[in-house]
Structures are given as structure tokens and as C-alpha cells.
Amino acid sequence: MTENRPPSDDDLVKQLEEELKTLKVSDLLVQTLYTVSSLGYRRLSEQDRDLDQARLAIETLRALLPVLDGSVSDELVRDFKQVTANLQLAFAEASKGAS
């Protein structure tokens, strides 16, 4: 019977190296865009409103989206463009309320 012990640091490093071999930069960028858009919407909510952070999220989406063009499906790029536009509209609405 083998005992259940936590993996060693060497085991963790080897596991991470194996995962990095299969990870694509485009996959990481897509995940980043999902996270940034979620945070942007969160910062527009009444309970967590922070317009500076929401603006930063919008600018990040606008900057990273062209980089993905040609590396991921056209449909995914189109969806993120729509998310960006919706976030910009929500920002404009939230900004009106802040004045």
C-alpha cells in the first residue's frame, strides 16, 4: 500500500513543464479576455463600481483582441468584439449615473 503524500517540488515542476508544452499562447489570451471582460462587468455593477477599472478592462480588450485575429476562430473574435461593444455601452450608462 502506498502512502498519500503531497507531490515534491520536483514533481510539481515536471508537471508544470508538461502542461506548458501543450499550452498555446492563444489559449492563454482567450482565457485572459474572458477574465478581463468578467472583471470589467463586475466593476460596472452598483455594488462593485469602479469606473477606472472598467475603463482599463475595455482598453485591455481593445488592445488584445486584434492580436488574436487569425489565431482563433472568426466566431470567437466576433463574440469578443460584441462583448467589448456591450461593455462600452454599459460603461457609458454607468458613467451617466456617476455624473
PDB file of N, CA and C in Angstrom:
ATOM      1  N   MET A   1       0.841  -1.187   0.000  1.00  0.00           N
ATOM      2  CA  MET A   1       0.000   0.000   0.000  1.00  0.00           C
ATOM      3  C   MET A   1       0.889   1.254   0.000  1.00  0.00           C
ATOM      4  N   THR A   2       0.638   2.202  -0.921  1.00  0.00           N
ATOM      5  CA  THR A   2       1.442   3.426  -0.979  1.00  0.00           C
ATOM      6  C   THR A   2       0.771   4.497  -0.132  1.00  0.00           C
ATOM      7  N   GLU A   3       1.602   5.294   0.486  1.00  0.00           N
ATOM      8  CA  GLU A   3       1.032   6.337   1.334  1.00  0.00           C
ATOM      9  C   GLU A   3       0.734   7.569   0.488  1.00  0.00           C
ATOM     10  N   ASN A   4      -0.297   8.295   0.882  1.00  0.00           N
ATOM     11  CA  ASN A   4      -0.671   9.517   0.166  1.00  0.00           C
ATOM     12  C   ASN A   4       0.157  10.661   0.715  1.00  0.00           C
ATOM     13  N   ARG A   5       1.135  11.057  -0.056  1.00  0.00           N
ATOM     14  CA  ARG A   5       1.966  12.177   0.351  1.00  0.00           C
ATOM     15  C   ARG A   5       1.860  13.249  -0.727  1.00  0.00           C
ATOM     16  N   PRO A   6       2.032  14.501  -0.323  1.00  0.00           N
ATOM     17  CA  PRO A   6       1.969  15.568  -1.331  1.00  0.00           C
ATOM     18  C   PRO A   6       3.124  15.425  -2.316  1.00  0.00           C
ATOM     19  N   PRO A   7       2.911  15.874  -3.553  1.00  0.00           N
ATOM     20  CA  PRO A   7       3.990  15.785  -4.541  1.00  0.00           C
ATOM     21  C   PRO A   7       5.167  16.664  -4.128  1.00  0.00           C
ATOM     22  N   SER A   8       6.353  16.240  -4.504  1.00  0.00           N
ATOM     23  CA  SER A   8       7.552  17.023  -4.198  1.00  0.00           C
ATOM     24  C   SER A   8       7.621  18.237  -5.125  1.00  0.00           C
ATOM     25  N   ASP A   9       8.494  19.155  -4.795  1.00  0.00           N
ATOM     26  CA  ASP A   9       8.696  20.331  -5.649  1.00  0.00           C
ATOM     27  C   ASP A   9       9.144  19.908  -7.045  1.00  0.00           C
ATOM     28  N   ASP A  10      10.011  18.906  -7.106  1.00  0.00           N
ATOM     29  CA  ASP A  10      10.479  18.411  -8.407  1.00  0.00           C
ATOM     30  C   ASP A  10       9.313  17.847  -9.220  1.00  0.00           C
ATOM     31  N   ASP A  11       8.421  17.111  -8.560  1.00  0.00           N
ATOM     32  CA  ASP A  11       7.244  16.558  -9.249  1.00  0.00           C
ATOM     33  C   ASP A  11       6.365  17.675  -9.790  1.00  0.00           C
ATOM     34  N   LEU A  12       6.178  18.714  -8.988  1.00  0.00           N
ATOM     35  CA  LEU A  12       5.343  19.844  -9.413  1.00  0.00           C
ATOM     36  C   LEU A  12       5.970  20.575 -10.601  1.00  0.00           C
ATOM     37  N   VAL A  13       7.278  20.748 -10.569  1.00  0.00           N
ATOM     38  CA  VAL A  13       7.979  21.415 -11.678  1.00  0.00           C
ATOM     39  C   VAL A  13       7.835  20.589 -12.955  1.00  0.00           C
ATOM     40  N   LYS A  14       8.007  19.291 -12.845  1.00  0.00           N
ATOM     41  CA  LYS A  14       7.872  18.414 -14.013  1.00  0.00           C
ATOM     42  C   LYS A  14       6.457  18.467 -14.569  1.00  0.00           C
ATOM     43  N   GLN A  15       5.469  18.462 -13.679  1.00  0.00           N
ATOM     44  CA  GLN A  15       4.071  18.529 -14.113  1.00  0.00           C
ATOM     45  C   GLN A  15       3.789  19.847 -14.830  1.00  0.00           C
ATOM     46  N   LEU A  16       4.293  20.945 -14.272  1.00  0.00           N
ATOM     47  CA  LEU A  16       4.107  22.251 -14.896  1.00  0.00           C
ATOM     48  C   LEU A  16       4.784  22.305 -16.265  1.00  0.00           C
ATOM     49  N   GLU A  17       5.979  21.754 -16.372  1.00  0.00           N
ATOM     50  CA  GLU A  17       6.685  21.737 -17.656  1.00  0.00           C
ATOM     51  C   GLU A  17       5.902  20.952 -18.705  1.00  0.00           C
ATOM     52  N   GLU A  18       5.291  19.862 -18.310  1.00  0.00           N
ATOM     53  CA  GLU A  18       4.484  19.070 -19.240  1.00  0.00           C
ATOM     54  C   GLU A  18       3.252  19.854 -19.700  1.00  0.00           C
ATOM     55  N   GLU A  19       2.627  20.546 -18.765  1.00  0.00           N
ATOM     56  CA  GLU A  19       1.452  21.344 -19.123  1.00  0.00           C
ATOM     57  C   GLU A  19       1.823  22.501 -20.049  1.00  0.00           C
ATOM     58  N   LEU A  20       2.969  23.108 -19.816  1.00  0.00           N
ATOM     59  CA  LEU A  20       3.406  24.221 -20.659  1.00  0.00           C
ATOM     60  C   LEU A  20       3.705  23.780 -22.091  1.00  0.00           C
ATOM     61  N   LYS A  21       4.072  22.519 -22.271  1.00  0.00           N
ATOM     62  CA  LYS A  21       4.353  22.010 -23.612  1.00  0.00           C
ATOM     63  C   LYS A  21       3.099  22.025 -24.483  1.00  0.00           C
ATOM     64  N   THR A  22       1.940  21.855 -23.887  1.00  0.00           N
ATOM     65  CA  THR A  22       0.708  21.772 -24.669  1.00  0.00           C
ATOM     66  C   THR A  22      -0.075  23.086 -24.698  1.00  0.00           C
ATOM     67  N   LEU A  23       0.251  24.004 -23.807  1.00  0.00           N
ATOM     68  CA  LEU A  23      -0.477  25.267 -23.727  1.00  0.00           C
ATOM     69  C   LEU A  23      -0.092  26.181 -24.887  1.00  0.00           C
ATOM     70  N   LYS A  24      -1.084  26.787 -25.500  1.00  0.00           N
ATOM     71  CA  LYS A  24      -0.843  27.749 -26.576  1.00  0.00           C
ATOM     72  C   LYS A  24      -1.024  29.157 -26.023  1.00  0.00           C
ATOM     73  N   VAL A  25      -0.270  30.098 -26.561  1.00  0.00           N
ATOM     74  CA  VAL A  25      -0.413  31.494 -26.171  1.00  0.00           C
ATOM     75  C   VAL A  25      -1.831  31.963 -26.468  1.00  0.00           C
ATOM     76  N   SER A  26      -2.392  31.533 -27.598  1.00  0.00           N
ATOM     77  CA  SER A  26      -3.757  31.947 -27.944  1.00  0.00           C
ATOM     78  C   SER A  26      -4.765  31.466 -26.901  1.00  0.00           C
ATOM     79  N   ASP A  27      -4.558  30.253 -26.350  1.00  0.00           N
ATOM     80  CA  ASP A  27      -5.453  29.763 -25.296  1.00  0.00           C
ATOM     81  C   ASP A  27      -5.378  30.654 -24.062  1.00  0.00           C
ATOM     82  N   LEU A  28      -4.174  31.034 -23.698  1.00  0.00           N
ATOM     83  CA  LEU A  28      -3.988  31.903 -22.536  1.00  0.00           C
ATOM     84  C   LEU A  28      -4.616  33.273 -22.779  1.00  0.00           C
ATOM     85  N   LEU A  29      -4.462  33.804 -23.986  1.00  0.00           N
ATOM     86  CA  LEU A  29      -5.057  35.103 -24.302  1.00  0.00           C
ATOM     87  C   LEU A  29      -6.584  35.048 -24.260  1.00  0.00           C
ATOM     88  N   VAL A  30      -7.159  33.976 -24.772  1.00  0.00           N
ATOM     89  CA  VAL A  30      -8.622  33.825 -24.727  1.00  0.00           C
ATOM     90  C   VAL A  30      -9.088  33.793 -23.272  1.00  0.00           C
ATOM     91  N   GLN A  31      -8.417  33.023 -22.440  1.00  0.00           N
ATOM     92  CA  GLN A  31      -8.780  32.957 -21.018  1.00  0.00           C
ATOM     93  C   GLN A  31      -8.626  34.326 -20.366  1.00  0.00           C
ATOM     94  N   THR A  32      -7.580  35.035 -20.736  1.00  0.00           N
ATOM     95  CA  THR A  32      -7.361  36.376 -20.195  1.00  0.00           C
ATOM     96  C   THR A  32      -8.494  37.316 -20.597  1.00  0.00           C
ATOM     97  N   LEU A  33      -8.923  37.240 -21.856  1.00  0.00           N
ATOM     98  CA  LEU A  33     -10.017  38.097 -22.304  1.00  0.00           C
ATOM     99  C   LEU A  33     -11.318  37.770 -21.576  1.00  0.00           C
ATOM    100  N   TYR A  34     -11.577  36.495 -21.355  1.00  0.00           N
ATOM    101  CA  TYR A  34     -12.754  36.118 -20.566  1.00  0.00           C
ATOM    102  C   TYR A  34     -12.685  36.728 -19.166  1.00  0.00           C
ATOM    103  N   THR A  35     -11.535  36.597 -18.544  1.00  0.00           N
ATOM    104  CA  THR A  35     -11.373  37.101 -17.175  1.00  0.00           C
ATOM    105  C   THR A  35     -11.500  38.619 -17.130  1.00  0.00           C
ATOM    106  N   VAL A  36     -10.838  39.299 -18.052  1.00  0.00           N
ATOM    107  CA  VAL A  36     -10.881  40.762 -18.087  1.00  0.00           C
ATOM    108  C   VAL A  36     -12.299  41.262 -18.346  1.00  0.00           C
ATOM    109  N   SER A  37     -13.022  40.622 -19.263  1.00  0.00           N
ATOM    110  CA  SER A  37     -14.396  41.062 -19.532  1.00  0.00           C
ATOM    111  C   SER A  37     -15.285  40.836 -18.312  1.00  0.00           C
ATOM    112  N   SER A  38     -15.107  39.726 -17.630  1.00  0.00           N
ATOM    113  CA  SER A  38     -15.888  39.461 -16.415  1.00  0.00           C
ATOM    114  C   SER A  38     -15.601  40.501 -15.340  1.00  0.00           C
ATOM    115  N   LEU A  39     -14.321  40.808 -15.165  1.00  0.00           N
ATOM    116  CA  LEU A  39     -13.962  41.833 -14.189  1.00  0.00           C
ATOM    117  C   LEU A  39     -14.508  43.202 -14.587  1.00  0.00           C
ATOM    118  N   GLY A  40     -14.462  43.502 -15.867  1.00  0.00           N
ATOM    119  CA  GLY A  40     -14.997  44.776 -16.342  1.00  0.00           C
ATOM    120  C   GLY A  40     -16.470  44.921 -16.020  1.00  0.00           C
ATOM    121  N   TYR A  41     -17.237  43.875 -16.296  1.00  0.00           N
ATOM    122  CA  TYR A  41     -18.666  43.918 -15.963  1.00  0.00           C
ATOM    123  C   TYR A  41     -18.868  44.024 -14.458  1.00  0.00           C
ATOM    124  N   ARG A  42     -18.055  43.313 -13.711  1.00  0.00           N
ATOM    125  CA  ARG A  42     -18.161  43.348 -12.249  1.00  0.00           C
ATOM    126  C   ARG A  42     -17.934  44.764 -11.738  1.00  0.00           C
ATOM    127  N   ARG A  43     -16.962  45.457 -12.333  1.00  0.00           N
ATOM    128  CA  ARG A  43     -16.640  46.820 -11.885  1.00  0.00           C
ATOM    129  C   ARG A  43     -17.686  47.842 -12.338  1.00  0.00           C
ATOM    130  N   LEU A  44     -18.607  47.431 -13.169  1.00  0.00           N
ATOM    131  CA  LEU A  44     -19.715  48.306 -13.554  1.00  0.00           C
ATOM    132  C   LEU A  44     -20.963  48.071 -12.717  1.00  0.00           C
ATOM    133  N   SER A  45     -20.956  47.000 -11.937  1.00  0.00           N
ATOM    134  CA  SER A  45     -22.117  46.716 -11.100  1.00  0.00           C
ATOM    135  C   SER A  45     -22.199  47.763  -9.984  1.00  0.00           C
ATOM    136  N   GLU A  46     -23.401  48.012  -9.507  1.00  0.00           N
ATOM    137  CA  GLU A  46     -23.581  49.044  -8.482  1.00  0.00           C
ATOM    138  C   GLU A  46     -22.799  48.737  -7.212  1.00  0.00           C
ATOM    139  N   GLN A  47     -22.765  47.476  -6.805  1.00  0.00           N
ATOM    140  CA  GLN A  47     -22.095  47.144  -5.550  1.00  0.00           C
ATOM    141  C   GLN A  47     -20.572  47.174  -5.653  1.00  0.00           C
ATOM    142  N   ASP A  48     -20.013  47.006  -6.844  1.00  0.00           N
ATOM    143  CA  ASP A  48     -18.547  46.983  -7.014  1.00  0.00           C
ATOM    144  C   ASP A  48     -18.064  48.024  -8.023  1.00  0.00           C
ATOM    145  N   ARG A  49     -18.785  49.115  -8.166  1.00  0.00           N
ATOM    146  CA  ARG A  49     -18.470  50.090  -9.212  1.00  0.00           C
ATOM    147  C   ARG A  49     -17.091  50.718  -9.033  1.00  0.00           C
ATOM    148  N   ASP A  50     -16.323  50.635 -10.104  1.00  0.00           N
ATOM    149  CA  ASP A  50     -15.014  51.277 -10.186  1.00  0.00           C
ATOM    150  C   ASP A  50     -14.797  51.569 -11.668  1.00  0.00           C
ATOM    151  N   LEU A  51     -15.178  52.779 -12.069  1.00  0.00           N
ATOM    152  CA  LEU A  51     -15.153  53.128 -13.492  1.00  0.00           C
ATOM    153  C   LEU A  51     -13.743  53.130 -14.075  1.00  0.00           C
ATOM    154  N   ASP A  52     -12.740  53.461 -13.281  1.00  0.00           N
ATOM    155  CA  ASP A  52     -11.370  53.424 -13.785  1.00  0.00           C
ATOM    156  C   ASP A  52     -10.965  51.992 -14.144  1.00  0.00           C
ATOM    157  N   GLN A  53     -11.333  51.035 -13.297  1.00  0.00           N
ATOM    158  CA  GLN A  53     -11.022  49.636 -13.575  1.00  0.00           C
ATOM    159  C   GLN A  53     -11.833  49.118 -14.759  1.00  0.00           C
ATOM    160  N   ALA A  54     -13.078  49.552 -14.875  1.00  0.00           N
ATOM    161  CA  ALA A  54     -13.908  49.145 -16.015  1.00  0.00           C
ATOM    162  C   ALA A  54     -13.317  49.693 -17.317  1.00  0.00           C
ATOM    163  N   ARG A  55     -12.862  50.935 -17.274  1.00  0.00           N
ATOM    164  CA  ARG A  55     -12.229  51.538 -18.469  1.00  0.00           C
ATOM    165  C   ARG A  55     -10.960  50.763 -18.839  1.00  0.00           C
ATOM    166  N   LEU A  56     -10.175  50.382 -17.845  1.00  0.00           N
ATOM    167  CA  LEU A  56      -8.964  49.605 -18.093  1.00  0.00           C
ATOM    168  C   LEU A  56      -9.309  48.254 -18.729  1.00  0.00           C
ATOM    169  N   ALA A  57     -10.375  47.637 -18.274  1.00  0.00           N
ATOM    170  CA  ALA A  57     -10.810  46.364 -18.866  1.00  0.00           C
ATOM    171  C   ALA A  57     -11.177  46.556 -20.336  1.00  0.00           C
ATOM    172  N   ILE A  58     -11.893  47.613 -20.639  1.00  0.00           N
ATOM    173  CA  ILE A  58     -12.297  47.892 -22.029  1.00  0.00           C
ATOM    174  C   ILE A  58     -11.059  48.124 -22.896  1.00  0.00           C
ATOM    175  N   GLU A  59     -10.140  48.923 -22.415  1.00  0.00           N
ATOM    176  CA  GLU A  59      -8.924  49.210 -23.185  1.00  0.00           C
ATOM    177  C   GLU A  59      -8.080  47.952 -23.373  1.00  0.00           C
ATOM    178  N   THR A  60      -8.066  47.087 -22.384  1.00  0.00           N
ATOM    179  CA  THR A  60      -7.329  45.822 -22.495  1.00  0.00           C
ATOM    180  C   THR A  60      -7.954  44.951 -23.577  1.00  0.00           C
ATOM    181  N   LEU A  61      -9.273  44.833 -23.576  1.00  0.00           N
ATOM    182  CA  LEU A  61      -9.956  44.051 -24.606  1.00  0.00           C
ATOM    183  C   LEU A  61      -9.659  44.625 -25.995  1.00  0.00           C
ATOM    184  N   ARG A  62      -9.730  45.934 -26.108  1.00  0.00           N
ATOM    185  CA  ARG A  62      -9.485  46.574 -27.403  1.00  0.00           C
ATOM    186  C   ARG A  62      -8.047  46.363 -27.873  1.00  0.00           C
ATOM    187  N   ALA A  63      -7.108  46.304 -26.939  1.00  0.00           N
ATOM    188  CA  ALA A  63      -5.695  46.124 -27.305  1.00  0.00           C
ATOM    189  C   ALA A  63      -5.364  44.678 -27.661  1.00  0.00           C
ATOM    190  N   LEU A  64      -5.930  43.723 -26.915  1.00  0.00           N
ATOM    191  CA  LEU A  64      -5.573  42.321 -27.122  1.00  0.00           C
ATOM    192  C   LEU A  64      -6.358  41.645 -28.249  1.00  0.00           C
ATOM    193  N   LEU A  65      -7.548  42.106 -28.491  1.00  0.00           N
ATOM    194  CA  LEU A  65      -8.386  41.442 -29.489  1.00  0.00           C
ATOM    195  C   LEU A  65      -7.753  41.382 -30.877  1.00  0.00           C
ATOM    196  N   PRO A  66      -7.159  42.447 -31.387  1.00  0.00           N
ATOM    197  CA  PRO A  66      -6.524  42.348 -32.709  1.00  0.00           C
ATOM    198  C   PRO A  66      -5.384  41.332 -32.757  1.00  0.00           C
ATOM    199  N   VAL A  67      -4.729  41.096 -31.640  1.00  0.00           N
ATOM    200  CA  VAL A  67      -3.624  40.138 -31.588  1.00  0.00           C
ATOM    201  C   VAL A  67      -4.138  38.723 -31.858  1.00  0.00           C
ATOM    202  N   LEU A  68      -5.366  38.441 -31.425  1.00  0.00           N
ATOM    203  CA  LEU A  68      -5.936  37.104 -31.607  1.00  0.00           C
ATOM    204  C   LEU A  68      -6.437  36.856 -33.024  1.00  0.00           C
ATOM    205  N   ASP A  69      -6.693  37.910 -33.759  1.00  0.00           N
ATOM    206  CA  ASP A  69      -7.235  37.766 -35.106  1.00  0.00           C
ATOM    207  C   ASP A  69      -6.331  36.864 -35.944  1.00  0.00           C
ATOM    208  N   GLY A  70      -6.878  35.797 -36.481  1.00  0.00           N
ATOM    209  CA  GLY A  70      -6.117  34.847 -37.277  1.00  0.00           C
ATOM    210  C   GLY A  70      -5.563  33.679 -36.476  1.00  0.00           C
ATOM    211  N   SER A  71      -5.581  33.800 -35.151  1.00  0.00           N
ATOM    212  CA  SER A  71      -5.071  32.720 -34.297  1.00  0.00           C
ATOM    213  C   SER A  71      -6.190  31.888 -33.676  1.00  0.00           C
ATOM    214  N   VAL A  72      -7.382  32.455 -33.660  1.00  0.00           N
ATOM    215  CA  VAL A  72      -8.553  31.743 -33.141  1.00  0.00           C
ATOM    216  C   VAL A  72      -9.666  31.890 -34.172  1.00  0.00           C
ATOM    217  N   SER A  73     -10.774  31.236 -33.936  1.00  0.00           N
ATOM    218  CA  SER A  73     -11.861  31.266 -34.914  1.00  0.00           C
ATOM    219  C   SER A  73     -12.421  32.684 -35.082  1.00  0.00           C
ATOM    220  N   ASP A  74     -12.912  32.951 -36.278  1.00  0.00           N
ATOM    221  CA  ASP A  74     -13.544  34.241 -36.554  1.00  0.00           C
ATOM    222  C   ASP A  74     -14.742  34.455 -35.632  1.00  0.00           C
ATOM    223  N   GLU A  75     -15.439  33.376 -35.334  1.00  0.00           N
ATOM    224  CA  GLU A  75     -16.612  33.464 -34.457  1.00  0.00           C
ATOM    225  C   GLU A  75     -16.211  33.941 -33.056  1.00  0.00           C
ATOM    226  N   LEU A  76     -15.120  33.426 -32.542  1.00  0.00           N
ATOM    227  CA  LEU A  76     -14.664  33.827 -31.212  1.00  0.00           C
ATOM    228  C   LEU A  76     -14.250  35.294 -31.208  1.00  0.00           C
ATOM    229  N   VAL A  77     -13.549  35.727 -32.234  1.00  0.00           N
ATOM    230  CA  VAL A  77     -13.162  37.142 -32.346  1.00  0.00           C
ATOM    231  C   VAL A  77     -14.417  38.010 -32.418  1.00  0.00           C
ATOM    232  N   ARG A  78     -15.384  37.602 -33.213  1.00  0.00           N
ATOM    233  CA  ARG A  78     -16.636  38.358 -33.334  1.00  0.00           C
ATOM    234  C   ARG A  78     -17.348  38.440 -31.980  1.00  0.00           C
ATOM    235  N   ASP A  79     -17.378  37.332 -31.249  1.00  0.00           N
ATOM    236  CA  ASP A  79     -18.022  37.324 -29.931  1.00  0.00           C
ATOM    237  C   ASP A  79     -17.337  38.286 -28.965  1.00  0.00           C
ATOM    238  N   PHE A  80     -16.012  38.296 -28.975  1.00  0.00           N
ATOM    239  CA  PHE A  80     -15.296  39.210 -28.090  1.00  0.00           C
ATOM    240  C   PHE A  80     -15.476  40.667 -28.520  1.00  0.00           C
ATOM    241  N   LYS A  81     -15.593  40.912 -29.811  1.00  0.00           N
ATOM    242  CA  LYS A  81     -15.890  42.277 -30.273  1.00  0.00           C
ATOM    243  C   LYS A  81     -17.248  42.714 -29.751  1.00  0.00           C
ATOM    244  N   GLN A  82     -18.217  41.805 -29.764  1.00  0.00           N
ATOM    245  CA  GLN A  82     -19.554  42.115 -29.243  1.00  0.00           C
ATOM    246  C   GLN A  82     -19.505  42.355 -27.734  1.00  0.00           C
ATOM    247  N   VAL A  83     -18.753  41.533 -27.027  1.00  0.00           N
ATOM    248  CA  VAL A  83     -18.584  41.721 -25.581  1.00  0.00           C
ATOM    249  C   VAL A  83     -17.983  43.100 -25.308  1.00  0.00           C
ATOM    250  N   THR A  84     -16.966  43.469 -26.084  1.00  0.00           N
ATOM    251  CA  THR A  84     -16.322  44.769 -25.912  1.00  0.00           C
ATOM    252  C   THR A  84     -17.313  45.903 -26.155  1.00  0.00           C
ATOM    253  N   ALA A  85     -18.095  45.797 -27.223  1.00  0.00           N
ATOM    254  CA  ALA A  85     -19.096  46.828 -27.522  1.00  0.00           C
ATOM    255  C   ALA A  85     -20.138  46.913 -26.403  1.00  0.00           C
ATOM    256  N   ASN A  86     -20.589  45.776 -25.920  1.00  0.00           N
ATOM    257  CA  ASN A  86     -21.579  45.765 -24.832  1.00  0.00           C
ATOM    258  C   ASN A  86     -20.996  46.370 -23.554  1.00  0.00           C
ATOM    259  N   LEU A  87     -19.755  46.068 -23.287  1.00  0.00           N
ATOM    260  CA  LEU A  87     -19.095  46.623 -22.110  1.00  0.00           C
ATOM    261  C   LEU A  87     -18.948  48.143 -22.243  1.00  0.00           C
ATOM    262  N   GLN A  88     -18.647  48.610 -23.450  1.00  0.00           N
ATOM    263  CA  GLN A  88     -18.542  50.053 -23.676  1.00  0.00           C
ATOM    264  C   GLN A  88     -19.894  50.738 -23.462  1.00  0.00           C
ATOM    265  N   LEU A  89     -20.956  50.112 -23.934  1.00  0.00           N
ATOM    266  CA  LEU A  89     -22.293  50.681 -23.720  1.00  0.00           C
ATOM    267  C   LEU A  89     -22.643  50.703 -22.243  1.00  0.00           C
ATOM    268  N   ALA A  90     -22.347  49.619 -21.538  1.00  0.00           N
ATOM    269  CA  ALA A  90     -22.628  49.565 -20.099  1.00  0.00           C
ATOM    270  C   ALA A  90     -21.797  50.611 -19.351  1.00  0.00           C
ATOM    271  N   PHE A  91     -20.568  50.824 -19.803  1.00  0.00           N
ATOM    272  CA  PHE A  91     -19.714  51.842 -19.200  1.00  0.00           C
ATOM    273  C   PHE A  91     -20.327  53.228 -19.400  1.00  0.00           C
ATOM    274  N   ALA A  92     -20.797  53.497 -20.608  1.00  0.00           N
ATOM    275  CA  ALA A  92     -21.420  54.808 -20.886  1.00  0.00           C
ATOM    276  C   ALA A  92     -22.625  55.023 -19.979  1.00  0.00           C
ATOM    277  N   GLU A  93     -23.444  53.994 -19.805  1.00  0.00           N
ATOM    278  CA  GLU A  93     -24.608  54.095 -18.918  1.00  0.00           C
ATOM    279  C   GLU A  93     -24.181  54.331 -17.473  1.00  0.00           C
ATOM    280  N   ALA A  94     -23.194  53.608 -17.013  1.00  0.00           N
ATOM    281  CA  ALA A  94     -22.716  53.746 -15.641  1.00  0.00           C
ATOM    282  C   ALA A  94     -22.098  55.127 -15.426  1.00  0.00           C
ATOM    283  N   SER A  95     -21.439  55.646 -16.461  1.00  0.00           N
ATOM    284  CA  SER A  95     -20.813  56.963 -16.357  1.00  0.00           C
ATOM    285  C   SER A  95     -21.865  58.063 -16.225  1.00  0.00           C
ATOM    286  N   LYS A  96     -22.988  57.893 -16.898  1.00  0.00           N
ATOM    287  CA  LYS A  96     -24.078  58.872 -16.779  1.00  0.00           C
ATOM    288  C   LYS A  96     -24.561  58.954 -15.340  1.00  0.00           C
ATOM    289  N   GLY A  97     -24.686  57.796 -14.723  1.00  0.00           N
ATOM    290  CA  GLY A  97     -25.159  57.744 -13.347  1.00  0.00           C
ATOM    291  C   GLY A  97     -24.163  58.297 -12.355  1.00  0.00           C
ATOM    292  N   ALA A  98     -22.887  58.336 -12.737  1.00  0.00           N
ATOM    293  CA  ALA A  98     -21.835  58.805 -11.833  1.00  0.00           C
ATOM    294  C   ALA A  98     -21.713  60.322 -11.859  1.00  0.00           C
ATOM    295  N   SER A  99     -22.286  60.948 -12.875  1.00  0.00           N
ATOM    296  CA  SER A  99     -22.147  62.416 -13.021  1.00  0.00           C
ATOM    297  C   SER A  99     -23.015  63.168 -12.049  1.00  0.00           C
TER     298      SER A  99
END
